[in-house]
C-alpha atoms as a PDB file:
ATOM      1  CA  UNK A   1     147.919 167.829 164.906  1.00  0.00           C
ATOM      2  CA  UNK A   2     146.811 166.283 168.249  1.00  0.00           C
ATOM      3  CA  UNK A   3     144.747 163.634 166.432  1.00  0.00           C
ATOM      4  CA  UNK A   4     147.751 162.823 164.266  1.00  0.00           C
ATOM      5  CA  UNK A   5     149.624 161.723 167.401  1.00  0.00           C
ATOM      6  CA  UNK A   6     146.666 160.006 169.068  1.00  0.00           C
ATOM      7  CA  UNK A   7     146.192 162.758 171.680  1.00  0.00           C
ATOM      8  CA  UNK A   8     142.509 163.470 171.713  1.00  0.00           C
ATOM      9  CA  UNK A   9     141.850 163.657 175.448  1.00  0.00           C
ATOM     10  CA  UNK A  10     142.811 166.195 178.088  1.00  0.00           C
ATOM     11  CA  UNK A  11     144.740 165.427 181.224  1.00  0.00           C
ATOM     12  CA  UNK A  12     144.025 167.285 184.415  1.00  0.00           C
ATOM     13  CA  UNK A  13     145.397 167.268 187.967  1.00  0.00           C
ATOM     14  CA  UNK A  14     144.300 168.871 191.188  1.00  0.00           C
ATOM     15  CA  UNK A  15     146.320 168.953 194.407  1.00  0.00           C
ATOM     16  CA  UNK A  16     144.540 169.157 197.763  1.00  0.00           C
ATOM     17  CA  UNK A  17     145.658 169.482 201.282  1.00  0.00           C
ATOM     18  CA  UNK A  18     143.848 166.340 202.503  1.00  0.00           C
ATOM     19  CA  UNK A  19     142.361 163.081 201.221  1.00  0.00           C
ATOM     20  CA  UNK A  20     138.734 164.092 201.969  1.00  0.00           C
ATOM     21  CA  UNK A  21     139.277 167.384 200.063  1.00  0.00           C
ATOM     22  CA  UNK A  22     140.760 165.552 197.059  1.00  0.00           C
ATOM     23  CA  UNK A  23     137.757 163.073 196.952  1.00  0.00           C
ATOM     24  CA  UNK A  24     135.310 166.145 197.028  1.00  0.00           C
ATOM     25  CA  UNK A  25     137.227 167.881 194.194  1.00  0.00           C
ATOM     26  CA  UNK A  26     137.574 164.712 192.014  1.00  0.00           C
ATOM     27  CA  UNK A  27     133.825 163.959 192.581  1.00  0.00           C
ATOM     28  CA  UNK A  28     132.859 167.571 191.435  1.00  0.00           C
ATOM     29  CA  UNK A  29     135.137 167.142 188.285  1.00  0.00           C
ATOM     30  CA  UNK A  30     133.635 163.758 187.345  1.00  0.00           C
ATOM     31  CA  UNK A  31     130.046 165.111 187.791  1.00  0.00           C
ATOM     32  CA  UNK A  32     130.709 168.358 185.974  1.00  0.00           C
ATOM     33  CA  UNK A  33     132.517 167.089 182.908  1.00  0.00           C
ATOM     34  CA  UNK A  34     133.091 164.048 180.724  1.00  0.00           C
ATOM     35  CA  UNK A  35     136.172 162.970 182.680  1.00  0.00           C
ATOM     36  CA  UNK A  36     137.170 159.881 184.630  1.00  0.00           C
ATOM     37  CA  UNK A  37     139.480 159.642 187.711  1.00  0.00           C
ATOM     38  CA  UNK A  38     142.712 157.902 186.517  1.00  0.00           C
ATOM     39  CA  UNK A  39     144.687 157.864 189.788  1.00  0.00           C
ATOM     40  CA  UNK A  40     145.580 159.633 192.915  1.00  0.00           C
ATOM     41  CA  UNK A  41     148.931 159.999 194.691  1.00  0.00           C
ATOM     42  CA  UNK A  42     149.899 160.976 198.216  1.00  0.00           C
ATOM     43  CA  UNK A  43     152.651 163.494 197.726  1.00  0.00           C
ATOM     44  CA  UNK A  44     153.683 164.063 201.225  1.00  0.00           C
ATOM     45  CA  UNK A  45     152.931 166.772 203.822  1.00  0.00           C
ATOM     46  CA  UNK A  46     149.323 165.784 203.848  1.00  0.00           C
ATOM     47  CA  UNK A  47     148.884 166.722 200.132  1.00  0.00           C
ATOM     48  CA  UNK A  48     147.013 164.395 197.736  1.00  0.00           C
ATOM     49  CA  UNK A  49     146.977 164.848 193.907  1.00  0.00           C
ATOM     50  CA  UNK A  50     144.109 163.492 191.715  1.00  0.00           C
ATOM     51  CA  UNK A  51     144.585 162.836 188.000  1.00  0.00           C
ATOM     52  CA  UNK A  52     141.667 162.872 185.581  1.00  0.00           C
ATOM     53  CA  UNK A  53     141.359 162.403 181.854  1.00  0.00           C
ATOM     54  CA  UNK A  54     138.631 162.985 179.315  1.00  0.00           C
ATOM     55  CA  UNK A  55     136.981 165.656 177.188  1.00  0.00           C
END
């Protein structure tokens, strides 16, 4: 069903308390799996969210 709608990749997000923590988490995800960093967003209060996609 997912392939029928063109959705063959997963989407993941991780929210961290600081930018350096987000960079470390995103780096670990990219190195551990077939994913790429799509974007990141400062969400306020010092929190930063990273968005990845892939298999």
